[in-house]
Amino acid sequence: MLKFIKHHMDTIGGIGIYPVISFVIFFSVFIIALLYVWKATRTHIDHMAALPIAEGHSTNETNNHAHQ
């Protein structure tokens, strides 16, 4: 089965660029995520960690109180 697929992949011109593009996209997303985590402040991390367990405060309630 793999020989059948490999034979057809070899007949496509310029197929070698796709693994390179995939690696560049993956590496870029990884680096962006790494920089985001590295630059995040401790207060932001604590705020994001507390969001799922915040009692009585939904996102809409917080936004409504901020605009009043």
PDB file of N, CA and C in Angstrom:
ATOM      1  N   MET A   1       0.822  -1.190   0.000  1.00  0.00           N
ATOM      2  CA  MET A   1       0.000   0.000   0.000  1.00  0.00           C
ATOM      3  C   MET A   1       0.866   1.254   0.000  1.00  0.00           C
ATOM      4  N   LEU A   2       1.912   1.286   0.834  1.00  0.00           N
ATOM      5  CA  LEU A   2       2.776   2.467   0.902  1.00  0.00           C
ATOM      6  C   LEU A   2       3.540   2.666  -0.407  1.00  0.00           C
ATOM      7  N   LYS A   3       3.952   1.575  -1.058  1.00  0.00           N
ATOM      8  CA  LYS A   3       4.649   1.694  -2.338  1.00  0.00           C
ATOM      9  C   LYS A   3       3.745   2.320  -3.385  1.00  0.00           C
ATOM     10  N   PHE A   4       2.465   2.008  -3.343  1.00  0.00           N
ATOM     11  CA  PHE A   4       1.501   2.566  -4.288  1.00  0.00           C
ATOM     12  C   PHE A   4       1.392   4.083  -4.092  1.00  0.00           C
ATOM     13  N   ILE A   5       1.305   4.523  -2.853  1.00  0.00           N
ATOM     14  CA  ILE A   5       1.183   5.955  -2.558  1.00  0.00           C
ATOM     15  C   ILE A   5       2.489   6.657  -2.878  1.00  0.00           C
ATOM     16  N   LYS A   6       3.623   6.064  -2.507  1.00  0.00           N
ATOM     17  CA  LYS A   6       4.920   6.689  -2.747  1.00  0.00           C
ATOM     18  C   LYS A   6       5.170   6.874  -4.239  1.00  0.00           C
ATOM     19  N   HIS A   7       4.780   5.904  -5.048  1.00  0.00           N
ATOM     20  CA  HIS A   7       4.977   6.017  -6.496  1.00  0.00           C
ATOM     21  C   HIS A   7       4.209   7.211  -7.055  1.00  0.00           C
ATOM     22  N   HIS A   8       2.992   7.409  -6.611  1.00  0.00           N
ATOM     23  CA  HIS A   8       2.200   8.538  -7.112  1.00  0.00           C
ATOM     24  C   HIS A   8       2.719   9.872  -6.585  1.00  0.00           C
ATOM     25  N   MET A   9       3.252   9.893  -5.379  1.00  0.00           N
ATOM     26  CA  MET A   9       3.823  11.122  -4.842  1.00  0.00           C
ATOM     27  C   MET A   9       5.077  11.522  -5.629  1.00  0.00           C
ATOM     28  N   ASP A  10       5.860  10.546  -6.076  1.00  0.00           N
ATOM     29  CA  ASP A  10       7.068  10.840  -6.840  1.00  0.00           C
ATOM     30  C   ASP A  10       6.754  11.456  -8.196  1.00  0.00           C
ATOM     31  N   THR A  11       5.581  11.199  -8.715  1.00  0.00           N
ATOM     32  CA  THR A  11       5.234  11.727 -10.040  1.00  0.00           C
ATOM     33  C   THR A  11       4.732  13.168  -9.983  1.00  0.00           C
ATOM     34  N   ILE A  12       4.460  13.698  -8.804  1.00  0.00           N
ATOM     35  CA  ILE A  12       3.973  15.072  -8.674  1.00  0.00           C
ATOM     36  C   ILE A  12       5.185  16.002  -8.643  1.00  0.00           C
ATOM     37  N   GLY A  13       5.193  16.964  -9.530  1.00  0.00           N
ATOM     38  CA  GLY A  13       6.306  17.901  -9.595  1.00  0.00           C
ATOM     39  C   GLY A  13       6.265  18.894  -8.441  1.00  0.00           C
ATOM     40  N   GLY A  14       7.401  19.147  -7.819  1.00  0.00           N
ATOM     41  CA  GLY A  14       7.492  20.116  -6.739  1.00  0.00           C
ATOM     42  C   GLY A  14       6.914  19.653  -5.417  1.00  0.00           C
ATOM     43  N   ILE A  15       6.737  18.358  -5.245  1.00  0.00           N
ATOM     44  CA  ILE A  15       6.133  17.831  -4.019  1.00  0.00           C
ATOM     45  C   ILE A  15       7.063  18.001  -2.816  1.00  0.00           C
ATOM     46  N   GLY A  16       8.339  18.170  -3.040  1.00  0.00           N
ATOM     47  CA  GLY A  16       9.304  18.280  -1.951  1.00  0.00           C
ATOM     48  C   GLY A  16       9.177  19.541  -1.129  1.00  0.00           C
ATOM     49  N   ILE A  17       8.481  20.552  -1.640  1.00  0.00           N
ATOM     50  CA  ILE A  17       8.338  21.808  -0.902  1.00  0.00           C
ATOM     51  C   ILE A  17       7.309  21.696   0.219  1.00  0.00           C
ATOM     52  N   TYR A  18       6.361  20.791   0.131  1.00  0.00           N
ATOM     53  CA  TYR A  18       5.295  20.684   1.133  1.00  0.00           C
ATOM     54  C   TYR A  18       5.780  20.293   2.520  1.00  0.00           C
ATOM     55  N   PRO A  19       6.722  19.368   2.658  1.00  0.00           N
ATOM     56  CA  PRO A  19       7.243  19.104   4.007  1.00  0.00           C
ATOM     57  C   PRO A  19       7.957  20.313   4.598  1.00  0.00           C
ATOM     58  N   VAL A  20       8.642  21.081   3.763  1.00  0.00           N
ATOM     59  CA  VAL A  20       9.338  22.268   4.246  1.00  0.00           C
ATOM     60  C   VAL A  20       8.329  23.310   4.720  1.00  0.00           C
ATOM     61  N   ILE A  21       7.277  23.527   3.949  1.00  0.00           N
ATOM     62  CA  ILE A  21       6.234  24.483   4.331  1.00  0.00           C
ATOM     63  C   ILE A  21       5.567  24.042   5.630  1.00  0.00           C
ATOM     64  N   SER A  22       5.277  22.764   5.761  1.00  0.00           N
ATOM     65  CA  SER A  22       4.649  22.245   6.980  1.00  0.00           C
ATOM     66  C   SER A  22       5.542  22.464   8.194  1.00  0.00           C
ATOM     67  N   PHE A  23       6.830  22.215   8.033  1.00  0.00           N
ATOM     68  CA  PHE A  23       7.758  22.408   9.145  1.00  0.00           C
ATOM     69  C   PHE A  23       7.851  23.876   9.532  1.00  0.00           C
ATOM     70  N   VAL A  24       7.897  24.764   8.554  1.00  0.00           N
ATOM     71  CA  VAL A  24       7.995  26.198   8.847  1.00  0.00           C
ATOM     72  C   VAL A  24       6.747  26.681   9.576  1.00  0.00           C
ATOM     73  N   ILE A  25       5.573  26.234   9.153  1.00  0.00           N
ATOM     74  CA  ILE A  25       4.334  26.619   9.832  1.00  0.00           C
ATOM     75  C   ILE A  25       4.324  26.093  11.264  1.00  0.00           C
ATOM     76  N   PHE A  26       4.664  24.829  11.455  1.00  0.00           N
ATOM     77  CA  PHE A  26       4.695  24.237  12.796  1.00  0.00           C
ATOM     78  C   PHE A  26       5.687  24.968  13.688  1.00  0.00           C
ATOM     79  N   PHE A  27       6.888  25.208  13.185  1.00  0.00           N
ATOM     80  CA  PHE A  27       7.927  25.855  13.976  1.00  0.00           C
ATOM     81  C   PHE A  27       7.538  27.282  14.328  1.00  0.00           C
ATOM     82  N   SER A  28       6.891  27.987  13.391  1.00  0.00           N
ATOM     83  CA  SER A  28       6.453  29.366  13.649  1.00  0.00           C
ATOM     84  C   SER A  28       5.404  29.411  14.753  1.00  0.00           C
ATOM     85  N   VAL A  29       4.427  28.528  14.693  1.00  0.00           N
ATOM     86  CA  VAL A  29       3.390  28.487  15.725  1.00  0.00           C
ATOM     87  C   VAL A  29       4.010  28.127  17.075  1.00  0.00           C
ATOM     88  N   PHE A  30       4.939  27.195  17.086  1.00  0.00           N
ATOM     89  CA  PHE A  30       5.610  26.808  18.323  1.00  0.00           C
ATOM     90  C   PHE A  30       6.379  27.983  18.921  1.00  0.00           C
ATOM     91  N   ILE A  31       7.103  28.711  18.117  1.00  0.00           N
ATOM     92  CA  ILE A  31       7.884  29.855  18.604  1.00  0.00           C
ATOM     93  C   ILE A  31       6.967  30.966  19.101  1.00  0.00           C
ATOM     94  N   ILE A  32       5.872  31.232  18.389  1.00  0.00           N
ATOM     95  CA  ILE A  32       4.921  32.257  18.829  1.00  0.00           C
ATOM     96  C   ILE A  32       4.315  31.882  20.178  1.00  0.00           C
ATOM     97  N   ALA A  33       3.927  30.613  20.339  1.00  0.00           N
ATOM     98  CA  ALA A  33       3.373  30.165  21.621  1.00  0.00           C
ATOM     99  C   ALA A  33       4.419  30.263  22.729  1.00  0.00           C
ATOM    100  N   LEU A  34       5.638  29.913  22.420  1.00  0.00           N
ATOM    101  CA  LEU A  34       6.711  30.007  23.408  1.00  0.00           C
ATOM    102  C   LEU A  34       6.955  31.457  23.831  1.00  0.00           C
ATOM    103  N   LEU A  35       6.974  32.372  22.882  1.00  0.00           N
ATOM    104  CA  LEU A  35       7.163  33.789  23.203  1.00  0.00           C
ATOM    105  C   LEU A  35       5.987  34.339  24.009  1.00  0.00           C
ATOM    106  N   TYR A  36       4.766  33.908  23.683  1.00  0.00           N
ATOM    107  CA  TYR A  36       3.579  34.348  24.421  1.00  0.00           C
ATOM    108  C   TYR A  36       3.664  33.931  25.884  1.00  0.00           C
ATOM    109  N   VAL A  37       4.049  32.697  26.113  1.00  0.00           N
ATOM    110  CA  VAL A  37       4.166  32.194  27.483  1.00  0.00           C
ATOM    111  C   VAL A  37       5.322  32.885  28.206  1.00  0.00           C
ATOM    112  N   TRP A  38       6.404  33.124  27.515  1.00  0.00           N
ATOM    113  CA  TRP A  38       7.571  33.735  28.119  1.00  0.00           C
ATOM    114  C   TRP A  38       7.322  35.191  28.499  1.00  0.00           C
ATOM    115  N   LYS A  39       6.563  35.916  27.679  1.00  0.00           N
ATOM    116  CA  LYS A  39       6.318  37.339  27.914  1.00  0.00           C
ATOM    117  C   LYS A  39       5.111  37.596  28.825  1.00  0.00           C
ATOM    118  N   ALA A  40       4.307  36.596  29.119  1.00  0.00           N
ATOM    119  CA  ALA A  40       3.123  36.782  29.943  1.00  0.00           C
ATOM    120  C   ALA A  40       3.512  37.143  31.373  1.00  0.00           C
ATOM    121  N   THR A  41       2.788  38.094  31.939  1.00  0.00           N
ATOM    122  CA  THR A  41       3.054  38.480  33.318  1.00  0.00           C
ATOM    123  C   THR A  41       2.404  37.485  34.270  1.00  0.00           C
ATOM    124  N   ARG A  42       2.894  37.452  35.469  1.00  0.00           N
ATOM    125  CA  ARG A  42       2.352  36.521  36.470  1.00  0.00           C
ATOM    126  C   ARG A  42       0.900  36.862  36.799  1.00  0.00           C
ATOM    127  N   THR A  43       0.561  38.153  36.820  1.00  0.00           N
ATOM    128  CA  THR A  43      -0.831  38.534  37.115  1.00  0.00           C
ATOM    129  C   THR A  43      -1.765  38.067  36.013  1.00  0.00           C
ATOM    130  N   HIS A  44      -1.320  38.129  34.772  1.00  0.00           N
ATOM    131  CA  HIS A  44      -2.147  37.647  33.654  1.00  0.00           C
ATOM    132  C   HIS A  44      -2.346  36.133  33.753  1.00  0.00           C
ATOM    133  N   ILE A  45      -1.300  35.417  34.077  1.00  0.00           N
ATOM    134  CA  ILE A  45      -1.403  33.962  34.206  1.00  0.00           C
ATOM    135  C   ILE A  45      -2.344  33.599  35.354  1.00  0.00           C
ATOM    136  N   ASP A  46      -2.220  34.296  36.483  1.00  0.00           N
ATOM    137  CA  ASP A  46      -3.109  34.033  37.617  1.00  0.00           C
ATOM    138  C   ASP A  46      -4.559  34.361  37.272  1.00  0.00           C
ATOM    139  N   HIS A  47      -4.768  35.452  36.545  1.00  0.00           N
ATOM    140  CA  HIS A  47      -6.130  35.829  36.129  1.00  0.00           C
ATOM    141  C   HIS A  47      -6.729  34.766  35.215  1.00  0.00           C
ATOM    142  N   MET A  48      -5.966  34.304  34.242  1.00  0.00           N
ATOM    143  CA  MET A  48      -6.461  33.293  33.312  1.00  0.00           C
ATOM    144  C   MET A  48      -6.702  31.960  34.026  1.00  0.00           C
ATOM    145  N   ALA A  49      -5.874  31.639  35.012  1.00  0.00           N
ATOM    146  CA  ALA A  49      -6.046  30.397  35.760  1.00  0.00           C
ATOM    147  C   ALA A  49      -7.299  30.436  36.621  1.00  0.00           C
ATOM    148  N   ALA A  50      -7.679  31.623  37.106  1.00  0.00           N
ATOM    149  CA  ALA A  50      -8.844  31.743  37.973  1.00  0.00           C
ATOM    150  C   ALA A  50     -10.153  31.850  37.201  1.00  0.00           C
ATOM    151  N   LEU A  51     -10.107  32.082  35.903  1.00  0.00           N
ATOM    152  CA  LEU A  51     -11.334  32.258  35.135  1.00  0.00           C
ATOM    153  C   LEU A  51     -12.300  31.070  35.218  1.00  0.00           C
ATOM    154  N   PRO A  52     -11.843  29.841  35.055  1.00  0.00           N
ATOM    155  CA  PRO A  52     -12.804  28.732  35.083  1.00  0.00           C
ATOM    156  C   PRO A  52     -13.466  28.523  36.439  1.00  0.00           C
ATOM    157  N   ILE A  53     -12.852  28.979  37.522  1.00  0.00           N
ATOM    158  CA  ILE A  53     -13.404  28.705  38.845  1.00  0.00           C
ATOM    159  C   ILE A  53     -13.936  29.948  39.538  1.00  0.00           C
ATOM    160  N   ALA A  54     -13.996  31.069  38.813  1.00  0.00           N
ATOM    161  CA  ALA A  54     -14.516  32.291  39.418  1.00  0.00           C
ATOM    162  C   ALA A  54     -16.010  32.107  39.685  1.00  0.00           C
ATOM    163  N   GLU A  55     -16.426  32.310  40.933  1.00  0.00           N
ATOM    164  CA  GLU A  55     -17.817  32.086  41.309  1.00  0.00           C
ATOM    165  C   GLU A  55     -18.631  33.363  41.124  1.00  0.00           C
ATOM    166  N   GLY A  56     -19.776  33.215  40.473  1.00  0.00           N
ATOM    167  CA  GLY A  56     -20.703  34.317  40.357  1.00  0.00           C
ATOM    168  C   GLY A  56     -20.332  35.379  39.345  1.00  0.00           C
ATOM    169  N   HIS A  57     -19.286  35.185  38.613  1.00  0.00           N
ATOM    170  CA  HIS A  57     -18.879  36.181  37.628  1.00  0.00           C
ATOM    171  C   HIS A  57     -18.774  35.522  36.265  1.00  0.00           C
ATOM    172  N   SER A  58     -19.628  35.915  35.366  1.00  0.00           N
ATOM    173  CA  SER A  58     -19.493  35.453  33.995  1.00  0.00           C
ATOM    174  C   SER A  58     -18.846  36.567  33.186  1.00  0.00           C
ATOM    175  N   THR A  59     -18.458  36.260  31.986  1.00  0.00           N
ATOM    176  CA  THR A  59     -17.803  37.253  31.136  1.00  0.00           C
ATOM    177  C   THR A  59     -18.737  38.413  30.851  1.00  0.00           C
ATOM    178  N   ASN A  60     -20.012  38.121  30.601  1.00  0.00           N
ATOM    179  CA  ASN A  60     -20.971  39.185  30.308  1.00  0.00           C
ATOM    180  C   ASN A  60     -21.202  40.084  31.521  1.00  0.00           C
ATOM    181  N   GLU A  61     -21.268  39.499  32.711  1.00  0.00           N
ATOM    182  CA  GLU A  61     -21.466  40.306  33.915  1.00  0.00           C
ATOM    183  C   GLU A  61     -20.278  41.225  34.142  1.00  0.00           C
ATOM    184  N   THR A  62     -19.082  40.720  33.933  1.00  0.00           N
ATOM    185  CA  THR A  62     -17.882  41.528  34.123  1.00  0.00           C
ATOM    186  C   THR A  62     -17.850  42.665  33.118  1.00  0.00           C
ATOM    187  N   ASN A  63     -18.196  42.407  31.869  1.00  0.00           N
ATOM    188  CA  ASN A  63     -18.193  43.442  30.848  1.00  0.00           C
ATOM    189  C   ASN A  63     -19.281  44.473  31.114  1.00  0.00           C
ATOM    190  N   ASN A  64     -20.461  44.048  31.591  1.00  0.00           N
ATOM    191  CA  ASN A  64     -21.553  44.989  31.867  1.00  0.00           C
ATOM    192  C   ASN A  64     -21.198  45.921  33.019  1.00  0.00           C
ATOM    193  N   HIS A  65     -20.540  45.392  34.055  1.00  0.00           N
ATOM    194  CA  HIS A  65     -20.169  46.229  35.199  1.00  0.00           C
ATOM    195  C   HIS A  65     -19.071  47.222  34.815  1.00  0.00           C
ATOM    196  N   ALA A  66     -18.214  46.857  33.903  1.00  0.00           N
ATOM    197  CA  ALA A  66     -17.120  47.734  33.491  1.00  0.00           C
ATOM    198  C   ALA A  66     -17.631  48.923  32.695  1.00  0.00           C
ATOM    199  N   HIS A  67     -18.750  48.745  31.960  1.00  0.00           N
ATOM    200  CA  HIS A  67     -19.272  49.812  31.099  1.00  0.00           C
ATOM    201  C   HIS A  67     -20.226  50.739  31.840  1.00  0.00           C
ATOM    202  N   GLN A  68     -20.613  50.410  33.046  1.00  0.00           N
ATOM    203  CA  GLN A  68     -21.597  51.248  33.759  1.00  0.00           C
ATOM    204  C   GLN A  68     -20.949  52.402  34.461  1.00  0.00           C
TER     205      GLN A  68
END
